[in-house]
PDB file of all heavy atoms in Angstrom:
ATOM      1  N   PRO A   1     -57.188  -1.894  18.289  1.00  0.00           N
ATOM      2  CA  PRO A   1     -56.448  -3.202  18.110  1.00  0.00           C
ATOM      3  C   PRO A   1     -56.416  -3.977  19.359  1.00  0.00           C
ATOM      4  O   PRO A   1     -56.421  -3.431  20.470  1.00  0.00           O
ATOM      5  CB  PRO A   1     -55.075  -2.659  17.693  1.00  0.00           C
ATOM      6  CG  PRO A   1     -55.277  -1.357  16.980  1.00  0.00           C
ATOM      7  CD  PRO A   1     -56.390  -0.735  17.833  1.00  0.00           C
ATOM      8  N   THR A   2     -56.466  -5.273  19.235  1.00  0.00           N
ATOM      9  CA  THR A   2     -56.458  -6.130  20.359  1.00  0.00           C
ATOM     10  C   THR A   2     -55.305  -7.146  20.340  1.00  0.00           C
ATOM     11  O   THR A   2     -54.800  -7.520  19.279  1.00  0.00           O
ATOM     12  CB  THR A   2     -57.754  -6.924  20.428  1.00  0.00           C
ATOM     13  OG1 THR A   2     -57.818  -7.736  21.633  1.00  0.00           O
ATOM     14  CG2 THR A   2     -58.020  -7.750  19.183  1.00  0.00           C
ATOM     15  N   ASN A   3     -54.926  -7.718  21.447  1.00  0.00           N
ATOM     16  CA  ASN A   3     -53.939  -8.754  21.474  1.00  0.00           C
ATOM     17  C   ASN A   3     -54.567 -10.102  21.688  1.00  0.00           C
ATOM     18  O   ASN A   3     -53.905 -11.152  21.788  1.00  0.00           O
ATOM     19  CB  ASN A   3     -52.858  -8.465  22.594  1.00  0.00           C
ATOM     20  CG  ASN A   3     -53.380  -8.581  23.978  1.00  0.00           C
ATOM     21  OD1 ASN A   3     -54.635  -8.483  24.138  1.00  0.00           O
ATOM     22  ND2 ASN A   3     -52.580  -8.686  24.965  1.00  0.00           N
ATOM     23  N   THR A   4     -55.881 -10.173  21.780  1.00  0.00           N
ATOM     24  CA  THR A   4     -56.648 -11.417  22.011  1.00  0.00           C
ATOM     25  C   THR A   4     -56.597 -12.375  20.813  1.00  0.00           C
ATOM     26  O   THR A   4     -56.494 -11.978  19.699  1.00  0.00           O
ATOM     27  CB  THR A   4     -58.024 -11.228  22.496  1.00  0.00           C
ATOM     28  OG1 THR A   4     -58.753 -10.604  21.393  1.00  0.00           O
ATOM     29  CG2 THR A   4     -58.091 -10.313  23.709  1.00  0.00           C
ATOM     30  N   CYS A   5     -56.727 -13.695  21.120  1.00  0.00           N
ATOM     31  CA  CYS A   5     -56.700 -14.718  20.060  1.00  0.00           C
ATOM     32  C   CYS A   5     -57.657 -15.773  20.357  1.00  0.00           C
ATOM     33  O   CYS A   5     -58.009 -15.934  21.589  1.00  0.00           O
ATOM     34  CB  CYS A   5     -55.207 -15.304  19.962  1.00  0.00           C
ATOM     35  SG  CYS A   5     -54.018 -14.124  19.604  1.00  0.00           S
ATOM     36  N   GLU A   6     -58.175 -16.529  19.381  1.00  0.00           N
ATOM     37  CA  GLU A   6     -59.006 -17.576  19.588  1.00  0.00           C
ATOM     38  C   GLU A   6     -58.807 -18.653  18.514  1.00  0.00           C
ATOM     39  O   GLU A   6     -58.162 -18.403  17.559  1.00  0.00           O
ATOM     40  CB  GLU A   6     -60.469 -17.201  19.702  1.00  0.00           C
ATOM     41  CG  GLU A   6     -60.996 -16.361  18.535  1.00  0.00           C
ATOM     42  CD  GLU A   6     -62.337 -15.791  18.831  1.00  0.00           C
ATOM     43  OE1 GLU A   6     -63.360 -16.535  19.015  1.00  0.00           O
ATOM     44  OE2 GLU A   6     -62.442 -14.478  19.008  1.00  0.00           O
ATOM     45  N   ILE A   7     -59.331 -19.788  18.825  1.00  0.00           N
ATOM     46  CA  ILE A   7     -59.165 -20.929  17.896  1.00  0.00           C
ATOM     47  C   ILE A   7     -60.488 -21.431  17.501  1.00  0.00           C
ATOM     48  O   ILE A   7     -61.452 -21.613  18.282  1.00  0.00           O
ATOM     49  CB  ILE A   7     -58.463 -22.146  18.628  1.00  0.00           C
ATOM     50  CG1 ILE A   7     -57.036 -21.803  19.039  1.00  0.00           C
ATOM     51  CG2 ILE A   7     -58.453 -23.467  17.739  1.00  0.00           C
ATOM     52  CD1 ILE A   7     -56.015 -21.840  18.022  1.00  0.00           C
ATOM     53  N   TYR A   8     -60.639 -21.677  16.177  1.00  0.00           N
ATOM     54  CA  TYR A   8     -61.900 -22.203  15.588  1.00  0.00           C
ATOM     55  C   TYR A   8     -61.574 -23.718  15.426  1.00  0.00           C
ATOM     56  O   TYR A   8     -60.576 -24.041  14.813  1.00  0.00           O
ATOM     57  CB  TYR A   8     -62.301 -21.608  14.291  1.00  0.00           C
ATOM     58  CG  TYR A   8     -63.439 -22.366  13.660  1.00  0.00           C
ATOM     59  CD1 TYR A   8     -64.736 -22.404  14.216  1.00  0.00           C
ATOM     60  CD2 TYR A   8     -63.232 -23.157  12.524  1.00  0.00           C
ATOM     61  CE1 TYR A   8     -65.779 -23.082  13.633  1.00  0.00           C
ATOM     62  CE2 TYR A   8     -64.336 -23.849  11.928  1.00  0.00           C
ATOM     63  CZ  TYR A   8     -65.527 -23.833  12.492  1.00  0.00           C
ATOM     64  OH  TYR A   8     -66.597 -24.491  11.900  1.00  0.00           O
ATOM     65  N   ASN A   9     -62.532 -24.579  15.913  1.00  0.00           N
ATOM     66  CA  ASN A   9     -62.389 -25.987  15.767  1.00  0.00           C
ATOM     67  C   ASN A   9     -63.494 -26.545  14.843  1.00  0.00           C
ATOM     68  O   ASN A   9     -64.696 -26.519  15.270  1.00  0.00           O
ATOM     69  CB  ASN A   9     -62.451 -26.743  17.061  1.00  0.00           C
ATOM     70  CG  ASN A   9     -62.227 -28.230  17.053  1.00  0.00           C
ATOM     71  OD1 ASN A   9     -62.392 -28.837  15.957  1.00  0.00           O
ATOM     72  ND2 ASN A   9     -61.773 -28.764  18.123  1.00  0.00           N
ATOM     73  N   PRO A  10     -63.201 -26.895  13.649  1.00  0.00           N
ATOM     74  CA  PRO A  10     -64.330 -27.307  12.775  1.00  0.00           C
ATOM     75  C   PRO A  10     -64.988 -28.616  13.171  1.00  0.00           C
ATOM     76  O   PRO A  10     -66.107 -28.857  12.756  1.00  0.00           O
ATOM     77  CB  PRO A  10     -63.552 -27.558  11.379  1.00  0.00           C
ATOM     78  CG  PRO A  10     -62.120 -27.796  11.753  1.00  0.00           C
ATOM     79  CD  PRO A  10     -61.923 -27.031  13.024  1.00  0.00           C
ATOM     80  N   VAL A  11     -64.399 -29.403  13.995  1.00  0.00           N
ATOM     81  CA  VAL A  11     -65.018 -30.625  14.482  1.00  0.00           C
ATOM     82  C   VAL A  11     -66.141 -30.296  15.483  1.00  0.00           C
ATOM     83  O   VAL A  11     -67.261 -30.939  15.326  1.00  0.00           O
ATOM     84  CB  VAL A  11     -64.040 -31.593  15.193  1.00  0.00           C
ATOM     85  CG1 VAL A  11     -64.693 -32.765  15.808  1.00  0.00           C
ATOM     86  CG2 VAL A  11     -62.943 -31.923  14.189  1.00  0.00           C
ATOM     87  N   THR A  12     -65.932 -29.346  16.266  1.00  0.00           N
ATOM     88  CA  THR A  12     -67.020 -28.993  17.273  1.00  0.00           C
ATOM     89  C   THR A  12     -67.812 -27.743  16.764  1.00  0.00           C
ATOM     90  O   THR A  12     -68.748 -27.422  17.340  1.00  0.00           O
ATOM     91  CB  THR A  12     -66.336 -28.573  18.570  1.00  0.00           C
ATOM     92  OG1 THR A  12     -65.473 -27.446  18.464  1.00  0.00           O
ATOM     93  CG2 THR A  12     -65.641 -29.741  19.279  1.00  0.00           C
ATOM     94  N   ASN A  13     -67.306 -27.171  15.609  1.00  0.00           N
ATOM     95  CA  ASN A  13     -67.959 -25.874  15.077  1.00  0.00           C
ATOM     96  C   ASN A  13     -68.095 -24.855  16.148  1.00  0.00           C
ATOM     97  O   ASN A  13     -69.098 -24.233  16.297  1.00  0.00           O
ATOM     98  CB  ASN A  13     -69.278 -26.267  14.493  1.00  0.00           C
ATOM     99  CG  ASN A  13     -69.792 -25.126  13.569  1.00  0.00           C
ATOM    100  OD1 ASN A  13     -69.039 -24.421  12.882  1.00  0.00           O
ATOM    101  ND2 ASN A  13     -71.095 -24.872  13.612  1.00  0.00           N
ATOM    102  N   ALA A  14     -66.918 -24.680  16.896  1.00  0.00           N
ATOM    103  CA  ALA A  14     -67.020 -23.626  18.002  1.00  0.00           C
ATOM    104  C   ALA A  14     -65.661 -22.905  18.119  1.00  0.00           C
ATOM    105  O   ALA A  14     -64.625 -23.434  17.640  1.00  0.00           O
ATOM    106  CB  ALA A  14     -67.338 -24.335  19.294  1.00  0.00           C
ATOM    107  N   PHE A  15     -65.647 -21.790  18.717  1.00  0.00           N
ATOM    108  CA  PHE A  15     -64.480 -21.028  19.082  1.00  0.00           C
ATOM    109  C   PHE A  15     -64.131 -21.147  20.436  1.00  0.00           C
ATOM    110  O   PHE A  15     -64.965 -21.276  21.329  1.00  0.00           O
ATOM    111  CB  PHE A  15     -64.676 -19.535  18.714  1.00  0.00           C
ATOM    112  CG  PHE A  15     -64.895 -19.179  17.312  1.00  0.00           C
ATOM    113  CD1 PHE A  15     -66.104 -19.234  16.644  1.00  0.00           C
ATOM    114  CD2 PHE A  15     -63.735 -18.933  16.516  1.00  0.00           C
ATOM    115  CE1 PHE A  15     -66.143 -18.952  15.273  1.00  0.00           C
ATOM    116  CE2 PHE A  15     -63.823 -18.610  15.151  1.00  0.00           C
ATOM    117  CZ  PHE A  15     -65.063 -18.744  14.558  1.00  0.00           C
ATOM    118  N   SER A  16     -62.873 -21.167  20.806  1.00  0.00           N
ATOM    119  CA  SER A  16     -62.381 -21.118  22.150  1.00  0.00           C
ATOM    120  C   SER A  16     -61.228 -20.125  22.259  1.00  0.00           C
ATOM    121  O   SER A  16     -60.490 -19.963  21.340  1.00  0.00           O
ATOM    122  CB  SER A  16     -61.916 -22.540  22.697  1.00  0.00           C
ATOM    123  OG  SER A  16     -60.923 -22.953  21.823  1.00  0.00           O
ATOM    124  N   SER A  17     -61.079 -19.569  23.485  1.00  0.00           N
ATOM    125  CA  SER A  17     -59.978 -18.601  23.674  1.00  0.00           C
ATOM    126  C   SER A  17     -58.714 -19.294  23.771  1.00  0.00           C
ATOM    127  O   SER A  17     -58.632 -20.480  24.196  1.00  0.00           O
ATOM    128  CB  SER A  17     -60.276 -17.761  24.995  1.00  0.00           C
ATOM    129  OG  SER A  17     -61.371 -17.023  24.856  1.00  0.00           O
ATOM    130  N   THR A  18     -57.613 -18.639  23.415  1.00  0.00           N
ATOM    131  CA  THR A  18     -56.211 -19.189  23.544  1.00  0.00           C
ATOM    132  C   THR A  18     -55.360 -18.040  23.981  1.00  0.00           C
ATOM    133  O   THR A  18     -55.828 -16.877  24.198  1.00  0.00           O
ATOM    134  CB  THR A  18     -55.754 -19.807  22.200  1.00  0.00           C
ATOM    135  OG1 THR A  18     -54.515 -20.517  22.466  1.00  0.00           O
ATOM    136  CG2 THR A  18     -55.568 -18.784  21.154  1.00  0.00           C
ATOM    137  N   GLY A  19     -54.088 -18.306  24.218  1.00  0.00           N
ATOM    138  CA  GLY A  19     -53.178 -17.250  24.710  1.00  0.00           C
ATOM    139  C   GLY A  19     -53.194 -15.932  23.934  1.00  0.00           C
ATOM    140  O   GLY A  19     -53.400 -15.942  22.688  1.00  0.00           O
ATOM    141  N   SER A  20     -52.991 -14.826  24.650  1.00  0.00           N
ATOM    142  CA  SER A  20     -52.900 -13.592  23.971  1.00  0.00           C
ATOM    143  C   SER A  20     -51.459 -13.168  23.530  1.00  0.00           C
ATOM    144  O   SER A  20     -50.518 -13.563  24.146  1.00  0.00           O
ATOM    145  CB  SER A  20     -53.415 -12.482  24.942  1.00  0.00           C
ATOM    146  OG  SER A  20     -54.765 -12.650  25.258  1.00  0.00           O
ATOM    147  N   MET A  21     -51.409 -12.401  22.432  1.00  0.00           N
ATOM    148  CA  MET A  21     -50.106 -11.894  21.928  1.00  0.00           C
ATOM    149  C   MET A  21     -49.564 -10.925  22.932  1.00  0.00           C
ATOM    150  O   MET A  21     -50.202 -10.366  23.741  1.00  0.00           O
ATOM    151  CB  MET A  21     -50.333 -11.221  20.560  1.00  0.00           C
ATOM    152  CG  MET A  21     -50.885 -12.192  19.501  1.00  0.00           C
ATOM    153  SD  MET A  21     -51.063 -11.239  17.930  1.00  0.00           S
ATOM    154  CE  MET A  21     -52.396 -10.143  18.365  1.00  0.00           C
ATOM    155  N   GLY A  22     -48.208 -10.676  22.797  1.00  0.00           N
ATOM    156  CA  GLY A  22     -47.573  -9.694  23.637  1.00  0.00           C
ATOM    157  C   GLY A  22     -47.939  -8.244  23.236  1.00  0.00           C
ATOM    158  O   GLY A  22     -47.968  -7.382  24.098  1.00  0.00           O
ATOM    159  N   ASN A  23     -48.311  -8.058  21.993  1.00  0.00           N
ATOM    160  CA  ASN A  23     -48.644  -6.698  21.616  1.00  0.00           C
ATOM    161  C   ASN A  23     -50.082  -6.802  20.901  1.00  0.00           C
ATOM    162  O   ASN A  23     -50.500  -7.768  20.357  1.00  0.00           O
ATOM    163  CB  ASN A  23     -47.729  -6.238  20.374  1.00  0.00           C
ATOM    164  CG  ASN A  23     -46.519  -5.789  20.882  1.00  0.00           C
ATOM    165  OD1 ASN A  23     -46.399  -4.970  21.773  1.00  0.00           O
ATOM    166  ND2 ASN A  23     -45.348  -6.245  20.243  1.00  0.00           N
ATOM    167  N   GLN A  24     -50.868  -5.689  21.086  1.00  0.00           N
ATOM    168  CA  GLN A  24     -52.076  -5.629  20.292  1.00  0.00           C
ATOM    169  C   GLN A  24     -51.716  -5.199  18.845  1.00  0.00           C
ATOM    170  O   GLN A  24     -50.729  -4.451  18.708  1.00  0.00           O
ATOM    171  CB  GLN A  24     -53.033  -4.587  20.936  1.00  0.00           C
ATOM    172  CG  GLN A  24     -52.470  -3.177  20.911  1.00  0.00           C
ATOM    173  CD  GLN A  24     -52.638  -2.530  22.265  1.00  0.00           C
ATOM    174  OE1 GLN A  24     -52.567  -3.145  23.326  1.00  0.00           O
ATOM    175  NE2 GLN A  24     -52.815  -1.199  22.268  1.00  0.00           N
ATOM    176  N   ARG A  25     -52.359  -5.764  17.920  1.00  0.00           N
ATOM    177  CA  ARG A  25     -51.995  -5.656  16.517  1.00  0.00           C
ATOM    178  C   ARG A  25     -53.244  -5.704  15.641  1.00  0.00           C
ATOM    179  O   ARG A  25     -54.135  -6.449  15.808  1.00  0.00           O
ATOM    180  CB  ARG A  25     -51.151  -6.756  16.005  1.00  0.00           C
ATOM    181  CG  ARG A  25     -49.829  -6.869  16.734  1.00  0.00           C
ATOM    182  CD  ARG A  25     -49.070  -8.129  16.230  1.00  0.00           C
ATOM    183  NE  ARG A  25     -47.925  -8.468  16.960  1.00  0.00           N
ATOM    184  CZ  ARG A  25     -46.690  -8.065  16.657  1.00  0.00           C
ATOM    185  NH1 ARG A  25     -46.486  -7.369  15.503  1.00  0.00           N
ATOM    186  NH2 ARG A  25     -45.623  -8.298  17.482  1.00  0.00           N
ATOM    187  N   ALA A  26     -53.201  -4.838  14.549  1.00  0.00           N
ATOM    188  CA  ALA A  26     -54.106  -4.927  13.406  1.00  0.00           C
ATOM    189  C   ALA A  26     -53.325  -4.654  12.188  1.00  0.00           C
ATOM    190  O   ALA A  26     -52.320  -3.963  12.256  1.00  0.00           O
ATOM    191  CB  ALA A  26     -55.231  -3.922  13.579  1.00  0.00           C
ATOM    192  N   GLY A  27     -53.748  -5.258  11.074  1.00  0.00           N
ATOM    193  CA  GLY A  27     -53.026  -5.076   9.791  1.00  0.00           C
ATOM    194  C   GLY A  27     -51.732  -5.815   9.816  1.00  0.00           C
ATOM    195  O   GLY A  27     -50.848  -5.473   9.035  1.00  0.00           O
TER     196      GLY A  27
END
């Protein structure tokens, strides 16, 4: 499990990193 996050922007059709959560989580 990871705490990383990213944003998909449909205008640019690309992903960019954003702030990470305080806890790693799955499910």
